[in-house]
């Protein structure tokens, strides 16, 4: 337990530290999970867009050109 007292010694706040810590820890966990999901989704969408743009252009890669030469 921790207490915050004013100048007269009257207790203003009397709360357990662990309760506040656990509350903040839960919020941080969910925020971290949400950011991770957003990053993964954006990465997948960008990968699909780049793949489709490469197919749309229709240019062979250097690796494919070398395979035909050999």
PDB file of N, CA and C in Angstrom:
ATOM      1  N   UNK A   1       0.837  -1.179   0.000  1.00  0.00           N
ATOM      2  CA  UNK A   1       0.000   0.000   0.000  1.00  0.00           C
ATOM      3  C   UNK A   1       0.881   1.241   0.000  1.00  0.00           C
ATOM      4  N   UNK A   2       0.456   2.222  -0.728  1.00  0.00           N
ATOM      5  CA  UNK A   2       1.140   3.498  -0.662  1.00  0.00           C
ATOM      6  C   UNK A   2       0.100   4.570  -0.411  1.00  0.00           C
ATOM      7  N   UNK A   3       0.519   5.628   0.193  1.00  0.00           N
ATOM      8  CA  UNK A   3      -0.389   6.703   0.556  1.00  0.00           C
ATOM      9  C   UNK A   3       0.181   8.030   0.100  1.00  0.00           C
ATOM     10  N   UNK A   4      -0.706   8.904  -0.325  1.00  0.00           N
ATOM     11  CA  UNK A   4      -0.338  10.286  -0.617  1.00  0.00           C
ATOM     12  C   UNK A   4      -1.077  11.146   0.395  1.00  0.00           C
ATOM     13  N   UNK A   5      -0.300  11.956   1.095  1.00  0.00           N
ATOM     14  CA  UNK A   5      -0.879  12.797   2.137  1.00  0.00           C
ATOM     15  C   UNK A   5      -0.662  14.260   1.783  1.00  0.00           C
ATOM     16  N   UNK A   6      -1.608  15.091   2.220  1.00  0.00           N
ATOM     17  CA  UNK A   6      -1.437  16.529   2.009  1.00  0.00           C
ATOM     18  C   UNK A   6      -0.608  17.126   3.144  1.00  0.00           C
ATOM     19  N   UNK A   7      -0.488  18.434   3.177  1.00  0.00           N
ATOM     20  CA  UNK A   7       0.353  19.106   4.170  1.00  0.00           C
ATOM     21  C   UNK A   7      -0.149  18.887   5.588  1.00  0.00           C
ATOM     22  N   UNK A   8      -1.439  18.656   5.780  1.00  0.00           N
ATOM     23  CA  UNK A   8      -2.004  18.447   7.113  1.00  0.00           C
ATOM     24  C   UNK A   8      -1.863  17.003   7.587  1.00  0.00           C
ATOM     25  N   UNK A   9      -1.411  16.114   6.715  1.00  0.00           N
ATOM     26  CA  UNK A   9      -1.277  14.712   7.081  1.00  0.00           C
ATOM     27  C   UNK A   9      -2.499  13.882   6.750  1.00  0.00           C
ATOM     28  N   UNK A  10      -3.473  14.478   6.087  1.00  0.00           N
ATOM     29  CA  UNK A  10      -4.677  13.759   5.680  1.00  0.00           C
ATOM     30  C   UNK A  10      -4.366  12.916   4.443  1.00  0.00           C
ATOM     31  N   UNK A  11      -4.792  11.659   4.479  1.00  0.00           N
ATOM     32  CA  UNK A  11      -4.533  10.755   3.361  1.00  0.00           C
ATOM     33  C   UNK A  11      -5.454  11.116   2.204  1.00  0.00           C
ATOM     34  N   UNK A  12      -4.848  11.417   1.061  1.00  0.00           N
ATOM     35  CA  UNK A  12      -5.616  11.760  -0.143  1.00  0.00           C
ATOM     36  C   UNK A  12      -5.848  10.506  -0.981  1.00  0.00           C
ATOM     37  N   UNK A  13      -4.779   9.722  -1.184  1.00  0.00           N
ATOM     38  CA  UNK A  13      -4.865   8.495  -1.982  1.00  0.00           C
ATOM     39  C   UNK A  13      -4.271   7.366  -1.159  1.00  0.00           C
ATOM     40  N   UNK A  14      -4.992   6.257  -1.120  1.00  0.00           N
ATOM     41  CA  UNK A  14      -4.514   5.078  -0.417  1.00  0.00           C
ATOM     42  C   UNK A  14      -4.843   3.876  -1.304  1.00  0.00           C
ATOM     43  N   UNK A  15      -3.833   3.396  -2.036  1.00  0.00           N
ATOM     44  CA  UNK A  15      -4.088   2.376  -3.042  1.00  0.00           C
ATOM     45  C   UNK A  15      -2.930   1.387  -3.090  1.00  0.00           C
ATOM     46  N   UNK A  16      -3.205   0.138  -3.431  1.00  0.00           N
ATOM     47  CA  UNK A  16      -2.112  -0.828  -3.595  1.00  0.00           C
ATOM     48  C   UNK A  16      -1.355  -0.574  -4.898  1.00  0.00           C
ATOM     49  N   UNK A  17      -0.049  -0.653  -4.850  1.00  0.00           N
ATOM     50  CA  UNK A  17       0.780  -0.424  -6.037  1.00  0.00           C
ATOM     51  C   UNK A  17       0.567  -1.501  -7.091  1.00  0.00           C
ATOM     52  N   UNK A  18       0.447  -2.725  -6.691  1.00  0.00           N
ATOM     53  CA  UNK A  18       0.351  -3.841  -7.637  1.00  0.00           C
ATOM     54  C   UNK A  18      -0.907  -3.740  -8.493  1.00  0.00           C
ATOM     55  N   UNK A  19      -1.979  -3.214  -7.944  1.00  0.00           N
ATOM     56  CA  UNK A  19      -3.218  -3.091  -8.700  1.00  0.00           C
ATOM     57  C   UNK A  19      -3.020  -2.122  -9.868  1.00  0.00           C
ATOM     58  N   UNK A  20      -2.391  -0.999  -9.618  1.00  0.00           N
ATOM     59  CA  UNK A  20      -2.129  -0.030 -10.680  1.00  0.00           C
ATOM     60  C   UNK A  20      -1.151  -0.605 -11.703  1.00  0.00           C
ATOM     61  N   UNK A  21      -0.119  -1.273 -11.227  1.00  0.00           N
ATOM     62  CA  UNK A  21       0.881  -1.879 -12.116  1.00  0.00           C
ATOM     63  C   UNK A  21       0.228  -2.917 -13.025  1.00  0.00           C
ATOM     64  N   UNK A  22      -0.590  -3.796 -12.466  1.00  0.00           N
ATOM     65  CA  UNK A  22      -1.249  -4.835 -13.266  1.00  0.00           C
ATOM     66  C   UNK A  22      -2.203  -4.234 -14.282  1.00  0.00           C
ATOM     67  N   UNK A  23      -2.875  -3.160 -13.893  1.00  0.00           N
ATOM     68  CA  UNK A  23      -3.791  -2.491 -14.815  1.00  0.00           C
ATOM     69  C   UNK A  23      -3.017  -1.920 -16.005  1.00  0.00           C
ATOM     70  N   UNK A  24      -1.921  -1.248 -15.739  1.00  0.00           N
ATOM     71  CA  UNK A  24      -1.112  -0.673 -16.811  1.00  0.00           C
ATOM     72  C   UNK A  24      -0.451  -1.764 -17.654  1.00  0.00           C
ATOM     73  N   UNK A  25      -0.029  -2.831 -17.025  1.00  0.00           N
ATOM     74  CA  UNK A  25       0.600  -3.935 -17.740  1.00  0.00           C
ATOM     75  C   UNK A  25      -0.377  -4.567 -18.730  1.00  0.00           C
ATOM     76  N   UNK A  26      -1.629  -4.715 -18.321  1.00  0.00           N
ATOM     77  CA  UNK A  26      -2.646  -5.254 -19.221  1.00  0.00           C
ATOM     78  C   UNK A  26      -2.878  -4.359 -20.423  1.00  0.00           C
ATOM     79  N   UNK A  27      -2.920  -3.051 -20.186  1.00  0.00           N
ATOM     80  CA  UNK A  27      -3.105  -2.104 -21.289  1.00  0.00           C
ATOM     81  C   UNK A  27      -1.938  -2.167 -22.264  1.00  0.00           C
ATOM     82  N   UNK A  28      -0.731  -2.244 -21.738  1.00  0.00           N
ATOM     83  CA  UNK A  28       0.453  -2.302 -22.580  1.00  0.00           C
ATOM     84  C   UNK A  28       0.476  -3.599 -23.389  1.00  0.00           C
ATOM     85  N   UNK A  29       0.065  -4.696 -22.776  1.00  0.00           N
ATOM     86  CA  UNK A  29       0.023  -5.976 -23.482  1.00  0.00           C
ATOM     87  C   UNK A  29      -0.918  -5.906 -24.676  1.00  0.00           C
ATOM     88  N   UNK A  30      -2.118  -5.373 -24.477  1.00  0.00           N
ATOM     89  CA  UNK A  30      -3.086  -5.282 -25.568  1.00  0.00           C
ATOM     90  C   UNK A  30      -2.624  -4.304 -26.643  1.00  0.00           C
ATOM     91  N   UNK A  31      -2.002  -3.198 -26.226  1.00  0.00           N
ATOM     92  CA  UNK A  31      -1.489  -2.240 -27.200  1.00  0.00           C
ATOM     93  C   UNK A  31      -0.373  -2.853 -28.033  1.00  0.00           C
ATOM     94  N   UNK A  32       0.515  -3.590 -27.405  1.00  0.00           N
ATOM     95  CA  UNK A  32       1.599  -4.263 -28.120  1.00  0.00           C
ATOM     96  C   UNK A  32       1.053  -5.285 -29.105  1.00  0.00           C
ATOM     97  N   UNK A  33       0.064  -6.043 -28.681  1.00  0.00           N
ATOM     98  CA  UNK A  33      -0.555  -7.029 -29.565  1.00  0.00           C
ATOM     99  C   UNK A  33      -1.221  -6.350 -30.759  1.00  0.00           C
ATOM    100  N   UNK A  34      -1.909  -5.244 -30.523  1.00  0.00           N
ATOM    101  CA  UNK A  34      -2.581  -4.526 -31.604  1.00  0.00           C
ATOM    102  C   UNK A  34      -1.570  -3.973 -32.608  1.00  0.00           C
ATOM    103  N   UNK A  35      -0.483  -3.399 -32.127  1.00  0.00           N
ATOM    104  CA  UNK A  35       0.544  -2.865 -33.024  1.00  0.00           C
ATOM    105  C   UNK A  35       1.173  -3.989 -33.836  1.00  0.00           C
ATOM    106  N   UNK A  36       1.411  -5.126 -33.219  1.00  0.00           N
ATOM    107  CA  UNK A  36       1.981  -6.271 -33.919  1.00  0.00           C
ATOM    108  C   UNK A  36       1.060  -6.748 -35.038  1.00  0.00           C
ATOM    109  N   UNK A  37      -0.216  -6.841 -34.751  1.00  0.00           N
ATOM    110  CA  UNK A  37      -1.183  -7.286 -35.762  1.00  0.00           C
ATOM    111  C   UNK A  37      -1.234  -6.290 -36.916  1.00  0.00           C
ATOM    112  N   UNK A  38      -1.228  -5.000 -36.611  1.00  0.00           N
ATOM    113  CA  UNK A  38      -1.268  -3.983 -37.665  1.00  0.00           C
ATOM    114  C   UNK A  38      -0.032  -4.083 -38.552  1.00  0.00           C
ATOM    115  N   UNK A  39       1.130  -4.260 -37.950  1.00  0.00           N
ATOM    116  CA  UNK A  39       2.361  -4.365 -38.728  1.00  0.00           C
ATOM    117  C   UNK A  39       2.325  -5.592 -39.629  1.00  0.00           C
ATOM    118  N   UNK A  40       1.863  -6.717 -39.117  1.00  0.00           N
ATOM    119  CA  UNK A  40       1.797  -7.946 -39.918  1.00  0.00           C
ATOM    120  C   UNK A  40       0.811  -7.778 -41.073  1.00  0.00           C
ATOM    121  N   UNK A  41      -0.336  -7.188 -40.813  1.00  0.00           N
ATOM    122  CA  UNK A  41      -1.347  -6.997 -41.867  1.00  0.00           C
ATOM    123  C   UNK A  41      -0.812  -6.060 -42.946  1.00  0.00           C
ATOM    124  N   UNK A  42      -0.192  -4.955 -42.544  1.00  0.00           N
ATOM    125  CA  UNK A  42       0.375  -4.024 -43.522  1.00  0.00           C
ATOM    126  C   UNK A  42       1.453  -4.714 -44.342  1.00  0.00           C
ATOM    127  N   UNK A  43       2.284  -5.530 -43.703  1.00  0.00           N
ATOM    128  CA  UNK A  43       3.332  -6.252 -44.414  1.00  0.00           C
ATOM    129  C   UNK A  43       2.731  -7.206 -45.454  1.00  0.00           C
ATOM    130  N   UNK A  44       1.699  -7.922 -45.093  1.00  0.00           N
ATOM    131  CA  UNK A  44       1.061  -8.856 -46.027  1.00  0.00           C
ATOM    132  C   UNK A  44       0.444  -8.113 -47.202  1.00  0.00           C
ATOM    133  N   UNK A  45      -0.222  -6.995 -46.918  1.00  0.00           N
ATOM    134  CA  UNK A  45      -0.847  -6.215 -47.987  1.00  0.00           C
ATOM    135  C   UNK A  45       0.216  -5.659 -48.930  1.00  0.00           C
ATOM    136  N   UNK A  46       1.303  -5.121 -48.375  1.00  0.00           N
ATOM    137  CA  UNK A  46       2.377  -4.600 -49.228  1.00  0.00           C
ATOM    138  C   UNK A  46       3.004  -5.702 -50.069  1.00  0.00           C
ATOM    139  N   UNK A  47       3.185  -6.870 -49.496  1.00  0.00           N
ATOM    140  CA  UNK A  47       3.745  -7.988 -50.246  1.00  0.00           C
ATOM    141  C   UNK A  47       2.836  -8.366 -51.408  1.00  0.00           C
ATOM    142  N   UNK A  48       1.538  -8.398 -51.176  1.00  0.00           N
ATOM    143  CA  UNK A  48       0.590  -8.733 -52.237  1.00  0.00           C
ATOM    144  C   UNK A  48       0.594  -7.664 -53.326  1.00  0.00           C
ATOM    145  N   UNK A  49       0.646  -6.406 -52.941  1.00  0.00           N
ATOM    146  CA  UNK A  49       0.648  -5.310 -53.914  1.00  0.00           C
ATOM    147  C   UNK A  49       1.905  -5.373 -54.776  1.00  0.00           C
ATOM    148  N   UNK A  50       3.061  -5.563 -54.158  1.00  0.00           N
ATOM    149  CA  UNK A  50       4.305  -5.644 -54.924  1.00  0.00           C
ATOM    150  C   UNK A  50       4.282  -6.844 -55.862  1.00  0.00           C
ATOM    151  N   UNK A  51       3.814  -7.975 -55.379  1.00  0.00           N
ATOM    152  CA  UNK A  51       3.736  -9.182 -56.223  1.00  0.00           C
ATOM    153  C   UNK A  51       2.825  -8.935 -57.424  1.00  0.00           C
ATOM    154  N   UNK A  52       1.669  -8.338 -57.181  1.00  0.00           N
ATOM    155  CA  UNK A  52       0.736  -8.083 -58.283  1.00  0.00           C
ATOM    156  C   UNK A  52       1.292  -7.046 -59.256  1.00  0.00           C
ATOM    157  N   UNK A  53       1.996  -6.050 -58.764  1.00  0.00           N
ATOM    158  CA  UNK A  53       2.596  -5.060 -59.662  1.00  0.00           C
ATOM    159  C   UNK A  53       3.682  -5.681 -60.526  1.00  0.00           C
ATOM    160  N   UNK A  54       4.474  -6.572 -59.954  1.00  0.00           N
ATOM    161  CA  UNK A  54       5.510  -7.248 -60.742  1.00  0.00           C
ATOM    162  C   UNK A  54       4.860  -8.105 -61.816  1.00  0.00           C
ATOM    163  N   UNK A  55       3.794  -8.802 -61.496  1.00  0.00           N
ATOM    164  CA  UNK A  55       3.102  -9.613 -62.504  1.00  0.00           C
ATOM    165  C   UNK A  55       2.466  -8.731 -63.568  1.00  0.00           C
ATOM    166  N   UNK A  56       1.941  -7.584 -63.170  1.00  0.00           N
ATOM    167  CA  UNK A  56       1.273  -6.684 -64.105  1.00  0.00           C
ATOM    168  C   UNK A  56       2.261  -6.110 -65.115  1.00  0.00           C
ATOM    169  N   UNK A  57       3.450  -5.763 -64.642  1.00  0.00           N
ATOM    170  CA  UNK A  57       4.473  -5.246 -65.540  1.00  0.00           C
ATOM    171  C   UNK A  57       4.901  -6.331 -66.510  1.00  0.00           C
ATOM    172  N   UNK A  58       5.023  -7.561 -66.025  1.00  0.00           N
ATOM    173  CA  UNK A  58       5.319  -8.684 -66.898  1.00  0.00           C
ATOM    174  C   UNK A  58       6.777  -8.822 -67.284  1.00  0.00           C
ATOM    175  N   UNK A  59       7.657  -8.178 -66.608  1.00  0.00           N
ATOM    176  CA  UNK A  59       9.078  -8.274 -66.928  1.00  0.00           C
ATOM    177  C   UNK A  59       9.668  -9.491 -66.220  1.00  0.00           C
ATOM    178  N   UNK A  60      10.514 -10.200 -66.931  1.00  0.00           N
ATOM    179  CA  UNK A  60      11.220 -11.317 -66.328  1.00  0.00           C
ATOM    180  C   UNK A  60      12.328 -10.786 -65.432  1.00  0.00           C
ATOM    181  N   UNK A  61      12.629 -11.515 -64.411  1.00  0.00           N
ATOM    182  CA  UNK A  61      13.725 -11.132 -63.535  1.00  0.00           C
ATOM    183  C   UNK A  61      15.045 -11.546 -64.145  1.00  0.00           C
ATOM    184  N   UNK A  62      16.127 -11.022 -63.622  1.00  0.00           N
ATOM    185  CA  UNK A  62      17.462 -11.379 -64.118  1.00  0.00           C
ATOM    186  C   UNK A  62      17.708 -12.871 -63.913  1.00  0.00           C
ATOM    187  N   UNK A  63      17.215 -13.419 -62.806  1.00  0.00           N
ATOM    188  CA  UNK A  63      17.385 -14.855 -62.567  1.00  0.00           C
ATOM    189  C   UNK A  63      16.705 -15.698 -63.633  1.00  0.00           C
ATOM    190  N   UNK A  64      15.508 -15.299 -64.049  1.00  0.00           N
ATOM    191  CA  UNK A  64      14.823 -16.036 -65.108  1.00  0.00           C
ATOM    192  C   UNK A  64      15.548 -15.904 -66.444  1.00  0.00           C
ATOM    193  N   UNK A  65      16.094 -14.720 -66.728  1.00  0.00           N
ATOM    194  CA  UNK A  65      16.822 -14.530 -67.980  1.00  0.00           C
ATOM    195  C   UNK A  65      18.088 -15.391 -67.999  1.00  0.00           C
ATOM    196  N   UNK A  66      18.782 -15.475 -66.884  1.00  0.00           N
ATOM    197  CA  UNK A  66      19.979 -16.312 -66.821  1.00  0.00           C
ATOM    198  C   UNK A  66      19.631 -17.794 -66.981  1.00  0.00           C
ATOM    199  N   UNK A  67      18.489 -18.207 -66.465  1.00  0.00           N
ATOM    200  CA  UNK A  67      18.080 -19.606 -66.582  1.00  0.00           C
ATOM    201  C   UNK A  67      17.843 -19.963 -68.043  1.00  0.00           C
ATOM    202  N   UNK A  68      17.308 -19.046 -68.836  1.00  0.00           N
ATOM    203  CA  UNK A  68      17.074 -19.327 -70.246  1.00  0.00           C
ATOM    204  C   UNK A  68      18.370 -19.363 -71.034  1.00  0.00           C
ATOM    205  N   UNK A  69      19.357 -18.564 -70.624  1.00  0.00           N
ATOM    206  CA  UNK A  69      20.644 -18.546 -71.331  1.00  0.00           C
ATOM    207  C   UNK A  69      21.409 -19.839 -71.111  1.00  0.00           C
ATOM    208  N   UNK A  70      21.383 -20.326 -69.881  1.00  0.00           N
ATOM    209  CA  UNK A  70      22.133 -21.539 -69.541  1.00  0.00           C
ATOM    210  C   UNK A  70      21.376 -22.696 -70.052  1.00  0.00           C
TER     211      UNK A  70
END
